[in-house]
């Protein structure tokens, strides 16, 4: 039986796929919550993301969904 080890690093595309969103939506999420300067967005395609980064972004997505649901 082969044991699958968790993925340590994600590319932009892999992180977006893991979150179930498009790369464009992923970049918007980063702009909204992570990136301070517009020129930093140019480096996203060569950046690697840790599993903890993806987890944090997943939590931010969940928070956005719950904040848009009417009570």
C-alpha atoms as a PDB file:
ATOM      1  CA  UNK A   1       0.000   0.000   0.000  1.00  0.00           C
ATOM      2  CA  UNK A   2       1.444   3.344  -1.024  1.00  0.00           C
ATOM      3  CA  UNK A   3       1.051   6.166   1.487  1.00  0.00           C
ATOM      4  CA  UNK A   4       0.574   9.547  -0.089  1.00  0.00           C
ATOM      5  CA  UNK A   5       2.482  12.337   1.621  1.00  0.00           C
ATOM      6  CA  UNK A   6       0.828  15.736   1.857  1.00  0.00           C
ATOM      7  CA  UNK A   7       1.892  18.311  -0.678  1.00  0.00           C
ATOM      8  CA  UNK A   8       4.310  20.857   0.802  1.00  0.00           C
ATOM      9  CA  UNK A   9       4.248  23.541  -1.879  1.00  0.00           C
ATOM     10  CA  UNK A  10       1.636  24.669  -4.388  1.00  0.00           C
ATOM     11  CA  UNK A  11       2.022  26.721  -7.539  1.00  0.00           C
ATOM     12  CA  UNK A  12      -0.500  29.463  -8.272  1.00  0.00           C
ATOM     13  CA  UNK A  13      -2.489  27.098 -10.490  1.00  0.00           C
ATOM     14  CA  UNK A  14      -2.391  24.217  -7.991  1.00  0.00           C
ATOM     15  CA  UNK A  15      -3.438  26.480  -5.115  1.00  0.00           C
ATOM     16  CA  UNK A  16      -6.363  27.864  -7.131  1.00  0.00           C
ATOM     17  CA  UNK A  17      -7.429  24.347  -8.140  1.00  0.00           C
ATOM     18  CA  UNK A  18      -7.206  23.161  -4.521  1.00  0.00           C
ATOM     19  CA  UNK A  19      -9.444  26.045  -3.456  1.00  0.00           C
ATOM     20  CA  UNK A  20     -11.907  25.307  -6.263  1.00  0.00           C
ATOM     21  CA  UNK A  21     -11.532  28.726  -7.875  1.00  0.00           C
ATOM     22  CA  UNK A  22     -10.041  30.045 -11.096  1.00  0.00           C
ATOM     23  CA  UNK A  23      -6.549  31.538 -11.261  1.00  0.00           C
ATOM     24  CA  UNK A  24      -8.150  34.936 -11.866  1.00  0.00           C
ATOM     25  CA  UNK A  25     -10.279  34.551  -8.705  1.00  0.00           C
ATOM     26  CA  UNK A  26      -7.165  33.397  -6.825  1.00  0.00           C
ATOM     27  CA  UNK A  27      -5.291  36.541  -7.858  1.00  0.00           C
ATOM     28  CA  UNK A  28      -8.253  38.693  -6.806  1.00  0.00           C
ATOM     29  CA  UNK A  29      -8.264  36.961  -3.422  1.00  0.00           C
ATOM     30  CA  UNK A  30      -4.549  37.671  -3.016  1.00  0.00           C
ATOM     31  CA  UNK A  31      -5.020  41.314  -4.024  1.00  0.00           C
ATOM     32  CA  UNK A  32      -7.845  41.735  -1.557  1.00  0.00           C
ATOM     33  CA  UNK A  33      -6.157  40.124   1.445  1.00  0.00           C
ATOM     34  CA  UNK A  34      -2.422  39.585   0.938  1.00  0.00           C
ATOM     35  CA  UNK A  35      -0.753  41.818  -1.647  1.00  0.00           C
ATOM     36  CA  UNK A  36      -0.015  45.420  -0.707  1.00  0.00           C
ATOM     37  CA  UNK A  37       1.444  46.722  -3.963  1.00  0.00           C
ATOM     38  CA  UNK A  38       0.253  46.172  -7.519  1.00  0.00           C
ATOM     39  CA  UNK A  39       3.751  45.244  -8.727  1.00  0.00           C
ATOM     40  CA  UNK A  40       3.794  42.312  -6.269  1.00  0.00           C
ATOM     41  CA  UNK A  41       1.016  40.712  -8.313  1.00  0.00           C
ATOM     42  CA  UNK A  42       3.534  40.199 -11.134  1.00  0.00           C
ATOM     43  CA  UNK A  43       5.438  37.711  -8.941  1.00  0.00           C
ATOM     44  CA  UNK A  44       2.440  35.526  -8.070  1.00  0.00           C
ATOM     45  CA  UNK A  45       2.960  33.207 -11.032  1.00  0.00           C
ATOM     46  CA  UNK A  46       6.472  32.306  -9.791  1.00  0.00           C
ATOM     47  CA  UNK A  47       5.563  32.178  -6.098  1.00  0.00           C
ATOM     48  CA  UNK A  48       5.085  28.911  -4.254  1.00  0.00           C
ATOM     49  CA  UNK A  49       2.460  28.643  -1.556  1.00  0.00           C
ATOM     50  CA  UNK A  50       2.699  26.467   1.555  1.00  0.00           C
ATOM     51  CA  UNK A  51      -0.195  24.271   2.603  1.00  0.00           C
ATOM     52  CA  UNK A  52      -0.762  26.702   5.490  1.00  0.00           C
ATOM     53  CA  UNK A  53      -1.117  29.565   2.965  1.00  0.00           C
ATOM     54  CA  UNK A  54      -3.783  27.612   1.107  1.00  0.00           C
ATOM     55  CA  UNK A  55      -5.557  26.865   4.395  1.00  0.00           C
ATOM     56  CA  UNK A  56      -5.571  30.558   5.309  1.00  0.00           C
ATOM     57  CA  UNK A  57      -6.939  31.488   1.886  1.00  0.00           C
ATOM     58  CA  UNK A  58      -9.638  28.798   2.241  1.00  0.00           C
ATOM     59  CA  UNK A  59     -10.660  30.361   5.559  1.00  0.00           C
ATOM     60  CA  UNK A  60     -10.809  33.795   3.928  1.00  0.00           C
ATOM     61  CA  UNK A  61     -13.023  32.431   1.157  1.00  0.00           C
ATOM     62  CA  UNK A  62     -15.351  30.912   3.771  1.00  0.00           C
ATOM     63  CA  UNK A  63     -15.512  34.211   5.628  1.00  0.00           C
ATOM     64  CA  UNK A  64     -16.403  36.046   2.408  1.00  0.00           C
ATOM     65  CA  UNK A  65     -19.215  33.606   1.666  1.00  0.00           C
ATOM     66  CA  UNK A  66     -20.722  33.898   5.130  1.00  0.00           C
ATOM     67  CA  UNK A  67     -20.480  37.701   5.087  1.00  0.00           C
ATOM     68  CA  UNK A  68     -22.471  37.895   1.837  1.00  0.00           C
ATOM     69  CA  UNK A  69     -25.274  35.562   2.954  1.00  0.00           C
ATOM     70  CA  UNK A  70     -28.268  37.614   4.126  1.00  0.00           C
ATOM     71  CA  UNK A  71     -29.452  36.937   7.670  1.00  0.00           C
END
